[in-house]
Amino acid sequence: MLKEIKYLIFIVIIILFLFFTGKYYFSNENIKNSYRSYKNVDEKIKLYSKNLPLLKNDTENVIEYVVQTEQNKKKKFNFWKLIEND
């Protein structure tokens, strides 16, 4: 009997928690506060982006191309031939 009452109390507590959480989450006051915070974040981003310094572009001619010749090619080793040579 006590076991069933304990489970009933647990279920009631979980249902009340979900009910009050949903009630707060979908309340008009919470929705207004969330929209206000979104608006504040957007304003802070715009203000911060106006104060960003512009850096000089120093990426001209950064890439150097290397021409491979026959002399620079490494010898390709075959694993099985290395074992056979022993």
PDB file of N, CA and C in Angstrom:
ATOM      1  N   MET A   1       0.825  -1.200   0.000  1.00  0.00           N
ATOM      2  CA  MET A   1       0.000   0.000   0.000  1.00  0.00           C
ATOM      3  C   MET A   1       0.868   1.264   0.000  1.00  0.00           C
ATOM      4  N   LEU A   2       1.902   1.258   0.842  1.00  0.00           N
ATOM      5  CA  LEU A   2       2.772   2.435   0.912  1.00  0.00           C
ATOM      6  C   LEU A   2       3.546   2.618  -0.385  1.00  0.00           C
ATOM      7  N   LYS A   3       3.859   1.503  -1.036  1.00  0.00           N
ATOM      8  CA  LYS A   3       4.599   1.570  -2.289  1.00  0.00           C
ATOM      9  C   LYS A   3       3.781   2.267  -3.370  1.00  0.00           C
ATOM     10  N   GLU A   4       2.481   1.951  -3.450  1.00  0.00           N
ATOM     11  CA  GLU A   4       1.614   2.594  -4.442  1.00  0.00           C
ATOM     12  C   GLU A   4       1.431   4.078  -4.146  1.00  0.00           C
ATOM     13  N   ILE A   5       1.351   4.425  -2.878  1.00  0.00           N
ATOM     14  CA  ILE A   5       1.200   5.842  -2.500  1.00  0.00           C
ATOM     15  C   ILE A   5       2.481   6.608  -2.855  1.00  0.00           C
ATOM     16  N   LYS A   6       3.620   5.973  -2.622  1.00  0.00           N
ATOM     17  CA  LYS A   6       4.889   6.621  -2.957  1.00  0.00           C
ATOM     18  C   LYS A   6       4.971   6.882  -4.462  1.00  0.00           C
ATOM     19  N   TYR A   7       4.607   5.889  -5.278  1.00  0.00           N
ATOM     20  CA  TYR A   7       4.626   6.073  -6.728  1.00  0.00           C
ATOM     21  C   TYR A   7       3.622   7.134  -7.174  1.00  0.00           C
ATOM     22  N   LEU A   8       2.472   7.174  -6.536  1.00  0.00           N
ATOM     23  CA  LEU A   8       1.459   8.189  -6.861  1.00  0.00           C
ATOM     24  C   LEU A   8       1.990   9.589  -6.560  1.00  0.00           C
ATOM     25  N   ILE A   9       2.685   9.730  -5.428  1.00  0.00           N
ATOM     26  CA  ILE A   9       3.245  11.039  -5.062  1.00  0.00           C
ATOM     27  C   ILE A   9       4.327  11.437  -6.079  1.00  0.00           C
ATOM     28  N   PHE A  10       5.176  10.483  -6.487  1.00  0.00           N
ATOM     29  CA  PHE A  10       6.191  10.784  -7.493  1.00  0.00           C
ATOM     30  C   PHE A  10       5.565  11.239  -8.805  1.00  0.00           C
ATOM     31  N   ILE A  11       4.521  10.556  -9.237  1.00  0.00           N
ATOM     32  CA  ILE A  11       3.854  10.917 -10.493  1.00  0.00           C
ATOM     33  C   ILE A  11       3.214  12.284 -10.391  1.00  0.00           C
ATOM     34  N   VAL A  12       2.586  12.591  -9.262  1.00  0.00           N
ATOM     35  CA  VAL A  12       1.944  13.904  -9.072  1.00  0.00           C
ATOM     36  C   VAL A  12       3.010  15.007  -9.090  1.00  0.00           C
ATOM     37  N   ILE A  13       4.148  14.771  -8.429  1.00  0.00           N
ATOM     38  CA  ILE A  13       5.216  15.774  -8.410  1.00  0.00           C
ATOM     39  C   ILE A  13       5.760  16.010  -9.812  1.00  0.00           C
ATOM     40  N   ILE A  14       5.978  14.954 -10.582  1.00  0.00           N
ATOM     41  CA  ILE A  14       6.481  15.106 -11.956  1.00  0.00           C
ATOM     42  C   ILE A  14       5.483  15.853 -12.821  1.00  0.00           C
ATOM     43  N   ILE A  15       4.196  15.524 -12.708  1.00  0.00           N
ATOM     44  CA  ILE A  15       3.167  16.212 -13.501  1.00  0.00           C
ATOM     45  C   ILE A  15       3.093  17.684 -13.116  1.00  0.00           C
ATOM     46  N   LEU A  16       3.154  18.001 -11.821  1.00  0.00           N
ATOM     47  CA  LEU A  16       3.128  19.408 -11.390  1.00  0.00           C
ATOM     48  C   LEU A  16       4.358  20.157 -11.901  1.00  0.00           C
ATOM     49  N   PHE A  17       5.516  19.522 -11.860  1.00  0.00           N
ATOM     50  CA  PHE A  17       6.722  20.163 -12.372  1.00  0.00           C
ATOM     51  C   PHE A  17       6.581  20.494 -13.847  1.00  0.00           C
ATOM     52  N   LEU A  18       6.117  19.532 -14.629  1.00  0.00           N
ATOM     53  CA  LEU A  18       5.935  19.775 -16.065  1.00  0.00           C
ATOM     54  C   LEU A  18       4.886  20.854 -16.322  1.00  0.00           C
ATOM     55  N   PHE A  19       3.797  20.844 -15.548  1.00  0.00           N
ATOM     56  CA  PHE A  19       2.740  21.845 -15.723  1.00  0.00           C
ATOM     57  C   PHE A  19       3.253  23.254 -15.450  1.00  0.00           C
ATOM     58  N   PHE A  20       3.931  23.436 -14.303  1.00  0.00           N
ATOM     59  CA  PHE A  20       4.404  24.786 -13.949  1.00  0.00           C
ATOM     60  C   PHE A  20       5.540  25.248 -14.870  1.00  0.00           C
ATOM     61  N   THR A  21       6.366  24.318 -15.317  1.00  0.00           N
ATOM     62  CA  THR A  21       7.414  24.689 -16.257  1.00  0.00           C
ATOM     63  C   THR A  21       6.817  25.153 -17.580  1.00  0.00           C
ATOM     64  N   GLY A  22       5.845  24.422 -18.088  1.00  0.00           N
ATOM     65  CA  GLY A  22       5.179  24.817 -19.331  1.00  0.00           C
ATOM     66  C   GLY A  22       4.420  26.116 -19.181  1.00  0.00           C
ATOM     67  N   LYS A  23       3.765  26.294 -18.043  1.00  0.00           N
ATOM     68  CA  LYS A  23       3.014  27.532 -17.797  1.00  0.00           C
ATOM     69  C   LYS A  23       3.937  28.740 -17.808  1.00  0.00           C
ATOM     70  N   TYR A  24       5.109  28.624 -17.174  1.00  0.00           N
ATOM     71  CA  TYR A  24       6.051  29.734 -17.168  1.00  0.00           C
ATOM     72  C   TYR A  24       6.643  29.960 -18.552  1.00  0.00           C
ATOM     73  N   TYR A  25       7.005  28.871 -19.240  1.00  0.00           N
ATOM     74  CA  TYR A  25       7.669  28.991 -20.536  1.00  0.00           C
ATOM     75  C   TYR A  25       6.775  29.663 -21.565  1.00  0.00           C
ATOM     76  N   PHE A  26       5.479  29.347 -21.555  1.00  0.00           N
ATOM     77  CA  PHE A  26       4.563  29.904 -22.543  1.00  0.00           C
ATOM     78  C   PHE A  26       3.843  31.155 -22.048  1.00  0.00           C
ATOM     79  N   SER A  27       4.235  31.715 -20.907  1.00  0.00           N
ATOM     80  CA  SER A  27       3.592  32.927 -20.411  1.00  0.00           C
ATOM     81  C   SER A  27       4.004  34.125 -21.255  1.00  0.00           C
ATOM     82  N   ASN A  28       3.144  35.131 -21.276  1.00  0.00           N
ATOM     83  CA  ASN A  28       3.412  36.344 -22.056  1.00  0.00           C
ATOM     84  C   ASN A  28       4.630  37.091 -21.523  1.00  0.00           C
ATOM     85  N   GLU A  29       4.812  37.078 -20.219  1.00  0.00           N
ATOM     86  CA  GLU A  29       5.945  37.792 -19.626  1.00  0.00           C
ATOM     87  C   GLU A  29       7.272  37.178 -20.078  1.00  0.00           C
ATOM     88  N   ASN A  30       7.358  35.878 -20.111  1.00  0.00           N
ATOM     89  CA  ASN A  30       8.592  35.221 -20.554  1.00  0.00           C
ATOM     90  C   ASN A  30       8.834  35.469 -22.042  1.00  0.00           C
ATOM     91  N   ILE A  31       7.789  35.444 -22.839  1.00  0.00           N
ATOM     92  CA  ILE A  31       7.938  35.695 -24.278  1.00  0.00           C
ATOM     93  C   ILE A  31       8.429  37.125 -24.527  1.00  0.00           C
ATOM     94  N   LYS A  32       7.868  38.098 -23.787  1.00  0.00           N
ATOM     95  CA  LYS A  32       8.307  39.490 -23.929  1.00  0.00           C
ATOM     96  C   LYS A  32       9.779  39.644 -23.541  1.00  0.00           C
ATOM     97  N   ASN A  33      10.172  39.004 -22.435  1.00  0.00           N
ATOM     98  CA  ASN A  33      11.566  39.112 -21.985  1.00  0.00           C
ATOM     99  C   ASN A  33      12.530  38.480 -22.981  1.00  0.00           C
ATOM    100  N   SER A  34      12.127  37.376 -23.580  1.00  0.00           N
ATOM    101  CA  SER A  34      13.026  36.738 -24.544  1.00  0.00           C
ATOM    102  C   SER A  34      13.181  37.604 -25.787  1.00  0.00           C
ATOM    103  N   TYR A  35      12.092  38.221 -26.267  1.00  0.00           N
ATOM    104  CA  TYR A  35      12.215  39.111 -27.422  1.00  0.00           C
ATOM    105  C   TYR A  35      13.053  40.334 -27.102  1.00  0.00           C
ATOM    106  N   ARG A  36      12.926  40.842 -25.888  1.00  0.00           N
ATOM    107  CA  ARG A  36      13.744  41.994 -25.493  1.00  0.00           C
ATOM    108  C   ARG A  36      15.224  41.624 -25.462  1.00  0.00           C
ATOM    109  N   SER A  37      15.520  40.441 -24.967  1.00  0.00           N
ATOM    110  CA  SER A  37      16.923  40.045 -24.905  1.00  0.00           C
ATOM    111  C   SER A  37      17.494  39.845 -26.313  1.00  0.00           C
ATOM    112  N   TYR A  38      16.685  39.305 -27.239  1.00  0.00           N
ATOM    113  CA  TYR A  38      17.137  39.180 -28.627  1.00  0.00           C
ATOM    114  C   TYR A  38      17.438  40.547 -29.227  1.00  0.00           C
ATOM    115  N   LYS A  39      16.578  41.506 -28.936  1.00  0.00           N
ATOM    116  CA  LYS A  39      16.758  42.851 -29.460  1.00  0.00           C
ATOM    117  C   LYS A  39      18.022  43.484 -28.877  1.00  0.00           C
ATOM    118  N   ASN A  40      18.273  43.271 -27.592  1.00  0.00           N
ATOM    119  CA  ASN A  40      19.476  43.822 -26.954  1.00  0.00           C
ATOM    120  C   ASN A  40      20.733  43.205 -27.546  1.00  0.00           C
ATOM    121  N   VAL A  41      20.710  41.927 -27.820  1.00  0.00           N
ATOM    122  CA  VAL A  41      21.874  41.267 -28.405  1.00  0.00           C
ATOM    123  C   VAL A  41      22.145  41.835 -29.793  1.00  0.00           C
ATOM    124  N   ASP A  42      21.101  42.025 -30.589  1.00  0.00           N
ATOM    125  CA  ASP A  42      21.290  42.593 -31.921  1.00  0.00           C
ATOM    126  C   ASP A  42      21.880  44.003 -31.845  1.00  0.00           C
ATOM    127  N   GLU A  43      21.391  44.803 -30.905  1.00  0.00           N
ATOM    128  CA  GLU A  43      21.919  46.160 -30.751  1.00  0.00           C
ATOM    129  C   GLU A  43      23.382  46.144 -30.311  1.00  0.00           C
ATOM    130  N   LYS A  44      23.738  45.221 -29.416  1.00  0.00           N
ATOM    131  CA  LYS A  44      25.130  45.122 -28.971  1.00  0.00           C
ATOM    132  C   LYS A  44      26.039  44.696 -30.115  1.00  0.00           C
ATOM    133  N   ILE A  45      25.567  43.802 -30.958  1.00  0.00           N
ATOM    134  CA  ILE A  45      26.367  43.358 -32.102  1.00  0.00           C
ATOM    135  C   ILE A  45      26.584  44.511 -33.075  1.00  0.00           C
ATOM    136  N   LYS A  46      25.549  45.279 -33.343  1.00  0.00           N
ATOM    137  CA  LYS A  46      25.686  46.421 -34.252  1.00  0.00           C
ATOM    138  C   LYS A  46      26.648  47.458 -33.688  1.00  0.00           C
ATOM    139  N   LEU A  47      26.554  47.746 -32.391  1.00  0.00           N
ATOM    140  CA  LEU A  47      27.438  48.718 -31.755  1.00  0.00           C
ATOM    141  C   LEU A  47      28.878  48.226 -31.776  1.00  0.00           C
ATOM    142  N   TYR A  48      29.096  46.966 -31.480  1.00  0.00           N
ATOM    143  CA  TYR A  48      30.444  46.411 -31.466  1.00  0.00           C
ATOM    144  C   TYR A  48      31.041  46.372 -32.875  1.00  0.00           C
ATOM    145  N   SER A  49      30.212  46.069 -33.863  1.00  0.00           N
ATOM    146  CA  SER A  49      30.740  45.989 -35.228  1.00  0.00           C
ATOM    147  C   SER A  49      31.135  47.367 -35.761  1.00  0.00           C
ATOM    148  N   LYS A  50      30.522  48.424 -35.266  1.00  0.00           N
ATOM    149  CA  LYS A  50      30.908  49.775 -35.696  1.00  0.00           C
ATOM    150  C   LYS A  50      32.291  50.140 -35.162  1.00  0.00           C
ATOM    151  N   ASN A  51      32.670  49.594 -34.011  1.00  0.00           N
ATOM    152  CA  ASN A  51      33.942  49.957 -33.381  1.00  0.00           C
ATOM    153  C   ASN A  51      35.084  49.010 -33.743  1.00  0.00           C
ATOM    154  N   LEU A  52      34.870  48.085 -34.629  1.00  0.00           N
ATOM    155  CA  LEU A  52      35.930  47.163 -35.017  1.00  0.00           C
ATOM    156  C   LEU A  52      36.940  47.863 -35.918  1.00  0.00           C
ATOM    157  N   PRO A  53      38.220  47.680 -35.660  1.00  0.00           N
ATOM    158  CA  PRO A  53      39.227  48.292 -36.536  1.00  0.00           C
ATOM    159  C   PRO A  53      39.388  47.463 -37.808  1.00  0.00           C
ATOM    160  N   LEU A  54      39.659  48.139 -38.899  1.00  0.00           N
ATOM    161  CA  LEU A  54      39.911  47.450 -40.162  1.00  0.00           C
ATOM    162  C   LEU A  54      41.407  47.203 -40.298  1.00  0.00           C
ATOM    163  N   LEU A  55      41.767  45.980 -40.613  1.00  0.00           N
ATOM    164  CA  LEU A  55      43.167  45.612 -40.745  1.00  0.00           C
ATOM    165  C   LEU A  55      43.595  45.676 -42.201  1.00  0.00           C
ATOM    166  N   LYS A  56      44.861  45.971 -42.408  1.00  0.00           N
ATOM    167  CA  LYS A  56      45.422  46.050 -43.745  1.00  0.00           C
ATOM    168  C   LYS A  56      45.515  44.640 -44.331  1.00  0.00           C
ATOM    169  N   ASN A  57      45.210  44.526 -45.596  1.00  0.00           N
ATOM    170  CA  ASN A  57      45.280  43.239 -46.279  1.00  0.00           C
ATOM    171  C   ASN A  57      46.740  42.914 -46.586  1.00  0.00           C
ATOM    172  N   ASP A  58      47.253  41.858 -45.971  1.00  0.00           N
ATOM    173  CA  ASP A  58      48.645  41.482 -46.201  1.00  0.00           C
ATOM    174  C   ASP A  58      48.752  40.072 -46.788  1.00  0.00           C
ATOM    175  N   THR A  59      47.777  39.684 -47.568  1.00  0.00           N
ATOM    176  CA  THR A  59      47.773  38.330 -48.132  1.00  0.00           C
ATOM    177  C   THR A  59      48.110  38.309 -49.616  1.00  0.00           C
ATOM    178  N   GLU A  60      48.726  39.339 -50.103  1.00  0.00           N
ATOM    179  CA  GLU A  60      49.106  39.370 -51.511  1.00  0.00           C
ATOM    180  C   GLU A  60      50.327  38.481 -51.737  1.00  0.00           C
ATOM    181  N   ASN A  61      50.290  37.679 -52.773  1.00  0.00           N
ATOM    182  CA  ASN A  61      51.398  36.813 -53.181  1.00  0.00           C
ATOM    183  C   ASN A  61      51.919  35.934 -52.033  1.00  0.00           C
ATOM    184  N   VAL A  62      51.029  35.342 -51.314  1.00  0.00           N
ATOM    185  CA  VAL A  62      51.415  34.488 -50.200  1.00  0.00           C
ATOM    186  C   VAL A  62      51.730  33.079 -50.685  1.00  0.00           C
ATOM    187  N   ILE A  63      51.041  32.616 -51.685  1.00  0.00           N
ATOM    188  CA  ILE A  63      51.214  31.262 -52.176  1.00  0.00           C
ATOM    189  C   ILE A  63      52.424  31.200 -53.100  1.00  0.00           C
ATOM    190  N   GLU A  64      53.324  30.273 -52.818  1.00  0.00           N
ATOM    191  CA  GLU A  64      54.486  30.050 -53.663  1.00  0.00           C
ATOM    192  C   GLU A  64      54.339  28.682 -54.297  1.00  0.00           C
ATOM    193  N   TYR A  65      54.425  28.645 -55.602  1.00  0.00           N
ATOM    194  CA  TYR A  65      54.282  27.386 -56.314  1.00  0.00           C
ATOM    195  C   TYR A  65      55.662  26.759 -56.493  1.00  0.00           C
ATOM    196  N   VAL A  66      55.743  25.472 -56.247  1.00  0.00           N
ATOM    197  CA  VAL A  66      56.998  24.743 -56.372  1.00  0.00           C
ATOM    198  C   VAL A  66      56.888  23.840 -57.587  1.00  0.00           C
ATOM    199  N   VAL A  67      57.898  23.932 -58.443  1.00  0.00           N
ATOM    200  CA  VAL A  67      57.914  23.103 -59.647  1.00  0.00           C
ATOM    201  C   VAL A  67      58.687  21.829 -59.332  1.00  0.00           C
ATOM    202  N   GLN A  68      58.039  20.684 -59.560  1.00  0.00           N
ATOM    203  CA  GLN A  68      58.713  19.413 -59.299  1.00  0.00           C
ATOM    204  C   GLN A  68      59.451  18.964 -60.551  1.00  0.00           C
ATOM    205  N   THR A  69      60.648  18.521 -60.359  1.00  0.00           N
ATOM    206  CA  THR A  69      61.431  17.985 -61.474  1.00  0.00           C
ATOM    207  C   THR A  69      61.655  16.499 -61.231  1.00  0.00           C
ATOM    208  N   GLU A  70      62.251  15.858 -62.205  1.00  0.00           N
ATOM    209  CA  GLU A  70      62.529  14.426 -62.080  1.00  0.00           C
ATOM    210  C   GLU A  70      63.556  14.157 -60.980  1.00  0.00           C
ATOM    211  N   GLN A  71      64.448  15.085 -60.739  1.00  0.00           N
ATOM    212  CA  GLN A  71      65.492  14.890 -59.734  1.00  0.00           C
ATOM    213  C   GLN A  71      64.910  14.921 -58.314  1.00  0.00           C
ATOM    214  N   ASN A  72      63.872  15.689 -58.132  1.00  0.00           N
ATOM    215  CA  ASN A  72      63.303  15.833 -56.791  1.00  0.00           C
ATOM    216  C   ASN A  72      62.362  14.692 -56.415  1.00  0.00           C
ATOM    217  N   LYS A  73      62.006  13.855 -57.373  1.00  0.00           N
ATOM    218  CA  LYS A  73      61.078  12.775 -57.063  1.00  0.00           C
ATOM    219  C   LYS A  73      61.764  11.732 -56.206  1.00  0.00           C
ATOM    220  N   LYS A  74      61.063  11.276 -55.206  1.00  0.00           N
ATOM    221  CA  LYS A  74      61.604  10.252 -54.334  1.00  0.00           C
ATOM    222  C   LYS A  74      61.348   8.880 -54.935  1.00  0.00           C
ATOM    223  N   LYS A  75      62.226   7.985 -54.601  1.00  0.00           N
ATOM    224  CA  LYS A  75      62.075   6.631 -55.095  1.00  0.00           C
ATOM    225  C   LYS A  75      60.909   5.972 -54.364  1.00  0.00           C
ATOM    226  N   LYS A  76      60.037   5.327 -55.124  1.00  0.00           N
ATOM    227  CA  LYS A  76      58.901   4.660 -54.528  1.00  0.00           C
ATOM    228  C   LYS A  76      59.307   3.239 -54.149  1.00  0.00           C
ATOM    229  N   PHE A  77      59.069   2.891 -52.917  1.00  0.00           N
ATOM    230  CA  PHE A  77      59.405   1.574 -52.426  1.00  0.00           C
ATOM    231  C   PHE A  77      58.164   0.699 -52.391  1.00  0.00           C
ATOM    232  N   ASN A  78      58.378  -0.529 -52.746  1.00  0.00           N
ATOM    233  CA  ASN A  78      57.316  -1.508 -52.656  1.00  0.00           C
ATOM    234  C   ASN A  78      57.587  -2.360 -51.428  1.00  0.00           C
ATOM    235  N   PHE A  79      56.632  -2.512 -50.566  1.00  0.00           N
ATOM    236  CA  PHE A  79      56.821  -3.196 -49.308  1.00  0.00           C
ATOM    237  C   PHE A  79      57.267  -4.635 -49.507  1.00  0.00           C
ATOM    238  N   TRP A  80      56.658  -5.334 -50.437  1.00  0.00           N
ATOM    239  CA  TRP A  80      56.988  -6.753 -50.626  1.00  0.00           C
ATOM    240  C   TRP A  80      58.403  -6.917 -51.192  1.00  0.00           C
ATOM    241  N   LYS A  81      58.818  -6.018 -52.014  1.00  0.00           N
ATOM    242  CA  LYS A  81      60.188  -6.104 -52.548  1.00  0.00           C
ATOM    243  C   LYS A  81      61.206  -5.838 -51.464  1.00  0.00           C
ATOM    244  N   LEU A  82      60.896  -4.994 -50.501  1.00  0.00           N
ATOM    245  CA  LEU A  82      61.812  -4.750 -49.393  1.00  0.00           C
ATOM    246  C   LEU A  82      61.979  -6.013 -48.538  1.00  0.00           C
ATOM    247  N   ILE A  83      60.909  -6.740 -48.359  1.00  0.00           N
ATOM    248  CA  ILE A  83      60.981  -7.974 -47.584  1.00  0.00           C
ATOM    249  C   ILE A  83      61.774  -9.035 -48.349  1.00  0.00           C
ATOM    250  N   GLU A  84      61.588  -9.126 -49.647  1.00  0.00           N
ATOM    251  CA  GLU A  84      62.285 -10.111 -50.452  1.00  0.00           C
ATOM    252  C   GLU A  84      63.791  -9.878 -50.491  1.00  0.00           C
ATOM    253  N   ASN A  85      64.227  -8.647 -50.377  1.00  0.00           N
ATOM    254  CA  ASN A  85      65.647  -8.337 -50.439  1.00  0.00           C
ATOM    255  C   ASN A  85      66.410  -8.806 -49.196  1.00  0.00           C
ATOM    256  N   ASP A  86      65.723  -9.072 -48.118  1.00  0.00           N
ATOM    257  CA  ASP A  86      66.394  -9.504 -46.887  1.00  0.00           C
ATOM    258  C   ASP A  86      66.949 -10.829 -47.061  1.00  0.00           C
TER     259      ASP A  86
END
